[in-house]
């Protein structure tokens, strides 16, 4: 309703470019599909260090999919395929030497609804403590 009462500027906003060394996260031509159904297509994005960055858009536009891709939560779903590159502090998050647990510790995520890992509730609760080496 609010959008109807104001004129909408349909011109494209200016694109701001950041140098590679001023960015903490870079996404280069990321495409992602669930069982062949495209969810993200050829996304390129640089997130500058020490800046607040928000992903804003309507339901179903890919915001959560992008956050899951950055956190590598799609690794748990065999129907997901992706191409492109995501680097965090210059390191490819899909490189074989990437410690996924450490990545997920560094890239936090808060879910709108409960989203446990595919394990028991006890194991989900204990997961954080095990990460901090406070539980065997």
N, C-alpha and C. Protein backbone atom coordinates (compact mmCIF):
# COMPACT_ATOMS: atom_id res chain seq x y z
N UNK A 1 0.81 -1.18 0.00
CA UNK A 1 0.00 0.00 0.00
C UNK A 1 0.86 1.25 0.00
N UNK A 2 1.92 1.25 0.79
CA UNK A 2 2.80 2.41 0.87
C UNK A 2 3.44 2.70 -0.47
N UNK A 3 3.85 1.64 -1.18
CA UNK A 3 4.50 1.85 -2.47
C UNK A 3 3.56 2.50 -3.48
N UNK A 4 2.27 2.24 -3.36
CA UNK A 4 1.32 2.82 -4.29
C UNK A 4 1.12 4.31 -4.04
N UNK A 5 1.31 4.77 -2.81
CA UNK A 5 1.06 6.16 -2.50
C UNK A 5 2.25 7.06 -2.80
N UNK A 6 3.38 6.49 -3.16
CA UNK A 6 4.58 7.26 -3.50
C UNK A 6 5.04 6.88 -4.89
N UNK A 7 5.67 7.80 -5.58
CA UNK A 7 6.22 7.44 -6.88
C UNK A 7 7.42 6.52 -6.67
N UNK A 8 7.57 5.59 -7.57
CA UNK A 8 8.65 4.60 -7.46
C UNK A 8 9.73 4.95 -8.48
N UNK A 9 10.95 5.06 -8.02
CA UNK A 9 12.08 5.34 -8.89
C UNK A 9 12.51 4.02 -9.53
N UNK A 10 12.33 3.90 -10.84
CA UNK A 10 12.67 2.64 -11.52
C UNK A 10 14.07 2.64 -12.10
N UNK A 11 14.80 3.75 -11.95
CA UNK A 11 16.17 3.77 -12.46
C UNK A 11 17.06 2.92 -11.55
N UNK A 12 18.08 2.36 -12.13
CA UNK A 12 18.99 1.50 -11.38
C UNK A 12 19.87 2.35 -10.46
N UNK A 13 20.07 1.92 -9.21
CA UNK A 13 20.97 2.66 -8.32
C UNK A 13 22.41 2.52 -8.81
N UNK A 14 23.26 3.46 -8.45
CA UNK A 14 24.65 3.35 -8.88
C UNK A 14 25.32 2.12 -8.27
N UNK A 15 26.20 1.51 -9.02
CA UNK A 15 26.94 0.36 -8.54
C UNK A 15 28.20 0.86 -7.85
N UNK A 16 28.43 0.39 -6.64
CA UNK A 16 29.62 0.77 -5.91
C UNK A 16 30.62 -0.37 -5.99
N UNK A 17 31.83 -0.07 -6.38
CA UNK A 17 32.88 -1.08 -6.49
C UNK A 17 33.84 -0.92 -5.32
N UNK A 18 34.25 -2.04 -4.76
CA UNK A 18 35.20 -2.06 -3.66
C UNK A 18 36.42 -2.85 -4.11
N UNK A 19 37.58 -2.43 -3.66
CA UNK A 19 38.79 -3.18 -4.00
C UNK A 19 38.74 -4.53 -3.29
N UNK A 20 39.40 -5.51 -3.88
CA UNK A 20 39.38 -6.87 -3.32
C UNK A 20 39.90 -6.91 -1.89
N UNK A 21 40.92 -6.10 -1.58
CA UNK A 21 41.48 -6.14 -0.22
C UNK A 21 40.62 -5.39 0.79
N UNK A 22 39.59 -4.66 0.35
CA UNK A 22 38.70 -4.00 1.30
C UNK A 22 37.45 -4.84 1.56
N UNK A 23 37.38 -6.02 0.94
CA UNK A 23 36.20 -6.89 1.09
C UNK A 23 36.53 -8.11 1.94
N UNK A 24 35.59 -8.50 2.78
CA UNK A 24 35.77 -9.71 3.58
C UNK A 24 35.13 -10.92 2.90
N UNK A 25 34.14 -10.67 2.05
CA UNK A 25 33.43 -11.74 1.38
C UNK A 25 33.26 -11.38 -0.09
N UNK A 26 33.60 -12.31 -0.97
CA UNK A 26 33.41 -12.09 -2.40
C UNK A 26 32.70 -13.30 -2.99
N UNK A 27 31.71 -13.02 -3.80
CA UNK A 27 30.96 -14.07 -4.48
C UNK A 27 31.11 -13.80 -5.97
N UNK A 28 31.54 -14.82 -6.71
CA UNK A 28 31.84 -14.64 -8.12
C UNK A 28 31.07 -15.65 -8.96
N UNK A 29 30.07 -15.18 -9.67
CA UNK A 29 29.27 -15.98 -10.60
C UNK A 29 28.67 -17.22 -9.93
N UNK A 30 28.06 -17.03 -8.75
CA UNK A 30 27.45 -18.14 -8.02
C UNK A 30 26.09 -18.47 -8.63
N UNK A 31 25.91 -19.73 -8.96
CA UNK A 31 24.61 -20.27 -9.36
C UNK A 31 24.35 -21.48 -8.48
N UNK A 32 23.08 -21.65 -8.09
CA UNK A 32 22.74 -22.75 -7.19
C UNK A 32 21.36 -23.27 -7.57
N UNK A 33 21.20 -24.59 -7.54
CA UNK A 33 19.92 -25.20 -7.89
C UNK A 33 19.58 -26.30 -6.88
N UNK A 34 18.29 -26.44 -6.62
CA UNK A 34 17.76 -27.54 -5.81
C UNK A 34 17.14 -28.54 -6.77
N UNK A 35 17.72 -29.74 -6.84
CA UNK A 35 17.23 -30.80 -7.73
C UNK A 35 16.98 -30.26 -9.13
N UNK A 36 17.92 -29.46 -9.62
CA UNK A 36 17.83 -28.92 -10.98
C UNK A 36 17.02 -27.64 -11.11
N UNK A 37 16.30 -27.25 -10.06
CA UNK A 37 15.50 -26.02 -10.12
C UNK A 37 16.36 -24.85 -9.64
N UNK A 38 16.59 -23.92 -10.54
CA UNK A 38 17.48 -22.79 -10.27
C UNK A 38 16.96 -21.90 -9.14
N UNK A 39 17.83 -21.61 -8.16
CA UNK A 39 17.47 -20.73 -7.05
C UNK A 39 18.29 -19.44 -7.11
N UNK A 40 19.56 -19.54 -7.50
CA UNK A 40 20.42 -18.37 -7.69
C UNK A 40 21.08 -18.51 -9.05
N UNK A 41 21.16 -17.39 -9.78
CA UNK A 41 21.76 -17.45 -11.11
C UNK A 41 22.83 -16.38 -11.26
N UNK A 42 24.06 -16.81 -11.45
CA UNK A 42 25.18 -15.95 -11.82
C UNK A 42 25.32 -14.72 -10.93
N UNK A 43 25.28 -14.94 -9.63
CA UNK A 43 25.35 -13.84 -8.66
C UNK A 43 26.80 -13.46 -8.39
N UNK A 44 27.10 -12.19 -8.51
CA UNK A 44 28.42 -11.66 -8.18
C UNK A 44 28.22 -10.53 -7.19
N UNK A 45 28.98 -10.58 -6.08
CA UNK A 45 28.77 -9.64 -4.99
C UNK A 45 30.04 -9.52 -4.17
N UNK A 46 30.36 -8.31 -3.74
CA UNK A 46 31.47 -8.09 -2.81
C UNK A 46 30.91 -7.41 -1.58
N UNK A 47 31.27 -7.95 -0.42
CA UNK A 47 30.81 -7.38 0.85
C UNK A 47 32.00 -6.69 1.51
N UNK A 48 31.92 -5.38 1.66
CA UNK A 48 33.05 -4.65 2.24
C UNK A 48 33.23 -4.94 3.73
N UNK A 49 34.47 -4.95 4.14
CA UNK A 49 34.84 -5.17 5.53
C UNK A 49 34.38 -3.97 6.38
N UNK A 50 33.93 -4.21 7.58
CA UNK A 50 33.54 -3.18 8.56
C UNK A 50 32.37 -2.33 8.09
N UNK A 51 31.46 -2.92 7.34
CA UNK A 51 30.25 -2.24 6.90
C UNK A 51 29.06 -3.13 7.21
N UNK A 52 27.92 -2.53 7.48
CA UNK A 52 26.70 -3.29 7.65
C UNK A 52 26.14 -3.59 6.27
N UNK A 53 25.82 -4.84 6.02
CA UNK A 53 25.29 -5.25 4.73
C UNK A 53 23.98 -6.00 4.98
N UNK A 54 22.95 -5.64 4.23
CA UNK A 54 21.65 -6.29 4.38
C UNK A 54 21.21 -6.86 3.05
N UNK A 55 20.61 -8.04 3.10
CA UNK A 55 19.99 -8.65 1.93
C UNK A 55 18.49 -8.45 2.10
N UNK A 56 17.91 -7.65 1.24
CA UNK A 56 16.50 -7.30 1.35
C UNK A 56 15.78 -7.71 0.08
N UNK A 57 14.62 -8.32 0.23
CA UNK A 57 13.84 -8.70 -0.93
C UNK A 57 12.61 -9.47 -0.51
N UNK A 58 11.73 -9.73 -1.45
CA UNK A 58 10.49 -10.45 -1.14
C UNK A 58 10.76 -11.92 -0.79
N UNK A 59 9.78 -12.52 -0.19
CA UNK A 59 9.86 -13.94 0.14
C UNK A 59 10.13 -14.75 -1.11
N UNK A 60 11.07 -15.68 -1.01
CA UNK A 60 11.36 -16.57 -2.13
C UNK A 60 12.34 -16.03 -3.15
N UNK A 61 12.98 -14.89 -2.87
CA UNK A 61 13.88 -14.32 -3.87
C UNK A 61 15.31 -14.84 -3.76
N UNK A 62 15.64 -15.60 -2.71
CA UNK A 62 16.96 -16.21 -2.61
C UNK A 62 17.84 -15.71 -1.48
N UNK A 63 17.32 -14.86 -0.61
CA UNK A 63 18.13 -14.32 0.50
C UNK A 63 18.66 -15.44 1.39
N UNK A 64 17.78 -16.30 1.86
CA UNK A 64 18.20 -17.39 2.74
C UNK A 64 19.06 -18.40 2.00
N UNK A 65 18.76 -18.64 0.75
CA UNK A 65 19.57 -19.54 -0.07
C UNK A 65 21.00 -19.04 -0.15
N UNK A 66 21.16 -17.74 -0.35
CA UNK A 66 22.50 -17.15 -0.41
C UNK A 66 23.22 -17.31 0.93
N UNK A 67 22.54 -17.01 2.03
CA UNK A 67 23.17 -17.15 3.34
C UNK A 67 23.56 -18.59 3.62
N UNK A 68 22.71 -19.53 3.22
CA UNK A 68 23.03 -20.95 3.40
C UNK A 68 24.25 -21.34 2.56
N UNK A 69 24.34 -20.78 1.37
CA UNK A 69 25.49 -21.08 0.50
C UNK A 69 26.78 -20.56 1.12
N UNK A 70 26.74 -19.37 1.69
CA UNK A 70 27.93 -18.79 2.33
C UNK A 70 28.35 -19.64 3.53
N UNK A 71 27.37 -20.21 4.23
CA UNK A 71 27.63 -21.03 5.41
C UNK A 71 27.86 -22.50 5.07
N UNK A 72 27.74 -22.85 3.80
CA UNK A 72 27.89 -24.22 3.30
C UNK A 72 26.89 -25.18 3.92
N UNK A 73 25.72 -24.69 4.27
CA UNK A 73 24.69 -25.58 4.79
C UNK A 73 24.11 -26.47 3.70
N UNK A 74 24.31 -26.11 2.44
CA UNK A 74 23.82 -26.94 1.34
C UNK A 74 24.61 -28.23 1.21
N UNK A 75 25.75 -28.29 1.85
CA UNK A 75 26.53 -29.54 1.82
C UNK A 75 25.71 -30.70 2.38
N UNK A 76 24.76 -30.40 3.24
CA UNK A 76 23.95 -31.43 3.88
C UNK A 76 22.81 -31.92 3.00
N UNK A 77 22.62 -31.31 1.84
CA UNK A 77 21.52 -31.65 0.94
C UNK A 77 22.09 -32.12 -0.40
N UNK A 78 21.94 -33.42 -0.69
CA UNK A 78 22.54 -34.00 -1.89
C UNK A 78 21.91 -33.51 -3.19
N UNK A 79 20.71 -32.92 -3.12
CA UNK A 79 20.05 -32.47 -4.35
C UNK A 79 20.52 -31.08 -4.79
N UNK A 80 21.37 -30.44 -4.00
CA UNK A 80 21.85 -29.10 -4.32
C UNK A 80 23.10 -29.17 -5.17
N UNK A 81 23.10 -28.40 -6.26
CA UNK A 81 24.28 -28.24 -7.10
C UNK A 81 24.61 -26.76 -7.17
N UNK A 82 25.88 -26.46 -7.31
CA UNK A 82 26.28 -25.05 -7.40
C UNK A 82 27.51 -24.91 -8.27
N UNK A 83 27.69 -23.70 -8.76
CA UNK A 83 28.90 -23.35 -9.50
C UNK A 83 29.25 -21.92 -9.12
N UNK A 84 30.46 -21.53 -9.41
CA UNK A 84 30.93 -20.21 -9.02
C UNK A 84 31.85 -20.32 -7.82
N UNK A 85 32.22 -19.18 -7.28
CA UNK A 85 33.20 -19.16 -6.20
C UNK A 85 32.78 -18.20 -5.10
N UNK A 86 32.96 -18.64 -3.86
CA UNK A 86 32.73 -17.80 -2.68
C UNK A 86 34.03 -17.77 -1.90
N UNK A 87 34.54 -16.57 -1.64
CA UNK A 87 35.76 -16.46 -0.83
C UNK A 87 35.47 -15.62 0.41
N UNK A 88 35.98 -16.09 1.52
CA UNK A 88 35.88 -15.40 2.80
C UNK A 88 37.30 -15.05 3.24
N UNK A 89 37.57 -13.78 3.37
CA UNK A 89 38.92 -13.30 3.70
C UNK A 89 39.96 -13.90 2.75
N UNK A 90 39.60 -13.98 1.47
CA UNK A 90 40.53 -14.44 0.44
C UNK A 90 40.63 -15.95 0.29
N UNK A 91 39.95 -16.72 1.12
CA UNK A 91 40.02 -18.18 1.06
C UNK A 91 38.75 -18.74 0.43
N UNK A 92 38.91 -19.61 -0.55
CA UNK A 92 37.77 -20.27 -1.20
C UNK A 92 37.10 -21.18 -0.18
N UNK A 93 35.81 -20.93 0.10
CA UNK A 93 35.14 -21.73 1.13
C UNK A 93 34.89 -23.17 0.69
N UNK A 94 35.01 -23.46 -0.61
CA UNK A 94 34.81 -24.82 -1.10
C UNK A 94 36.13 -25.56 -1.36
N UNK A 95 37.24 -24.94 -1.00
CA UNK A 95 38.54 -25.60 -1.15
C UNK A 95 38.59 -26.83 -0.25
N UNK A 96 39.26 -27.90 -0.69
CA UNK A 96 39.32 -29.13 0.10
C UNK A 96 39.86 -28.93 1.52
N UNK A 97 40.77 -27.98 1.70
CA UNK A 97 41.37 -27.78 3.02
C UNK A 97 40.50 -26.92 3.95
N UNK A 98 39.36 -26.43 3.47
CA UNK A 98 38.49 -25.60 4.30
C UNK A 98 37.90 -26.42 5.44
N UNK A 99 38.08 -25.94 6.64
CA UNK A 99 37.47 -26.56 7.82
C UNK A 99 36.05 -26.01 7.92
N UNK A 100 35.07 -26.83 7.55
CA UNK A 100 33.68 -26.38 7.49
C UNK A 100 33.16 -25.98 8.87
N UNK A 101 33.58 -26.67 9.90
CA UNK A 101 33.15 -26.32 11.26
C UNK A 101 33.64 -24.93 11.62
N UNK A 102 34.88 -24.63 11.30
CA UNK A 102 35.43 -23.29 11.58
C UNK A 102 34.73 -22.24 10.73
N UNK A 103 34.44 -22.56 9.48
CA UNK A 103 33.70 -21.64 8.61
C UNK A 103 32.35 -21.31 9.24
N UNK A 104 31.63 -22.31 9.68
CA UNK A 104 30.30 -22.09 10.27
C UNK A 104 30.39 -21.35 11.59
N UNK A 105 31.49 -21.48 12.28
CA UNK A 105 31.70 -20.71 13.51
C UNK A 105 31.88 -19.23 13.16
N UNK A 106 32.59 -18.95 12.08
CA UNK A 106 32.88 -17.57 11.66
C UNK A 106 31.70 -16.91 10.97
N UNK A 107 30.91 -17.71 10.25
CA UNK A 107 29.76 -17.20 9.50
C UNK A 107 28.50 -17.65 10.21
N UNK A 108 28.06 -16.86 11.16
CA UNK A 108 26.88 -17.21 11.94
C UNK A 108 25.61 -16.99 11.15
N UNK A 109 24.57 -17.68 11.55
CA UNK A 109 23.28 -17.56 10.90
C UNK A 109 22.18 -17.69 11.94
N UNK A 110 21.18 -16.83 11.85
CA UNK A 110 20.01 -16.92 12.73
C UNK A 110 18.81 -17.23 11.83
N UNK A 111 18.11 -18.29 12.17
CA UNK A 111 17.01 -18.75 11.33
C UNK A 111 15.68 -18.17 11.80
N UNK A 112 14.76 -17.98 10.85
CA UNK A 112 13.42 -17.49 11.18
C UNK A 112 12.63 -18.55 11.94
N UNK A 113 12.83 -19.79 11.57
CA UNK A 113 12.15 -20.91 12.23
C UNK A 113 13.22 -21.90 12.66
N UNK A 114 12.91 -22.74 13.64
CA UNK A 114 13.90 -23.74 14.07
C UNK A 114 14.35 -24.58 12.89
N UNK A 115 15.64 -24.80 12.81
CA UNK A 115 16.20 -25.54 11.68
C UNK A 115 17.32 -26.45 12.20
N UNK A 116 16.96 -27.54 12.89
CA UNK A 116 18.01 -28.40 13.45
C UNK A 116 18.77 -29.14 12.37
N UNK A 117 20.01 -29.51 12.71
CA UNK A 117 20.78 -30.37 11.83
C UNK A 117 20.12 -31.74 11.79
N UNK A 118 20.38 -32.53 10.76
CA UNK A 118 19.73 -33.85 10.66
C UNK A 118 20.33 -34.85 11.63
N UNK A 119 20.07 -34.63 12.91
CA UNK A 119 20.52 -35.51 14.00
C UNK A 119 19.53 -35.34 15.14
N UNK A 120 19.72 -36.05 16.22
CA UNK A 120 18.78 -35.97 17.35
C UNK A 120 18.80 -34.57 17.98
N UNK A 121 17.75 -34.25 18.71
CA UNK A 121 17.68 -32.96 19.40
C UNK A 121 18.85 -32.83 20.38
N UNK A 122 19.15 -33.92 21.11
CA UNK A 122 20.29 -33.90 22.03
C UNK A 122 21.57 -33.53 21.29
N UNK A 123 21.81 -34.18 20.14
CA UNK A 123 23.02 -33.91 19.36
C UNK A 123 23.05 -32.47 18.85
N UNK A 124 21.89 -31.92 18.51
CA UNK A 124 21.83 -30.52 18.08
C UNK A 124 22.19 -29.58 19.22
N UNK A 125 21.68 -29.87 20.41
CA UNK A 125 21.98 -29.02 21.57
C UNK A 125 23.46 -29.15 21.95
N UNK A 126 23.98 -30.36 21.90
CA UNK A 126 25.37 -30.60 22.29
C UNK A 126 26.36 -30.10 21.23
N UNK A 127 25.91 -29.87 20.03
CA UNK A 127 26.78 -29.50 18.92
C UNK A 127 27.63 -28.27 19.24
N UNK A 128 27.00 -27.21 19.74
CA UNK A 128 27.72 -25.98 20.07
C UNK A 128 28.76 -26.19 21.16
N UNK A 129 28.38 -26.98 22.16
CA UNK A 129 29.33 -27.28 23.25
C UNK A 129 30.52 -28.08 22.74
N UNK A 130 30.26 -29.01 21.84
CA UNK A 130 31.36 -29.80 21.27
C UNK A 130 32.28 -28.91 20.44
N UNK A 131 31.71 -27.96 19.72
CA UNK A 131 32.53 -27.04 18.95
C UNK A 131 33.49 -26.28 19.85
N UNK A 132 33.02 -25.92 21.02
CA UNK A 132 33.84 -25.17 21.96
C UNK A 132 34.67 -26.09 22.84
N UNK A 133 34.60 -27.40 22.56
CA UNK A 133 35.35 -28.42 23.29
C UNK A 133 35.02 -28.41 24.78
N UNK A 134 33.74 -28.21 25.08
CA UNK A 134 33.28 -28.22 26.47
C UNK A 134 32.43 -29.44 26.78
N UNK A 135 32.32 -30.36 25.81
CA UNK A 135 31.55 -31.58 25.99
C UNK A 135 32.21 -32.66 25.15
N UNK A 136 32.38 -33.84 25.70
CA UNK A 136 33.03 -34.92 24.93
C UNK A 136 32.16 -35.40 23.78
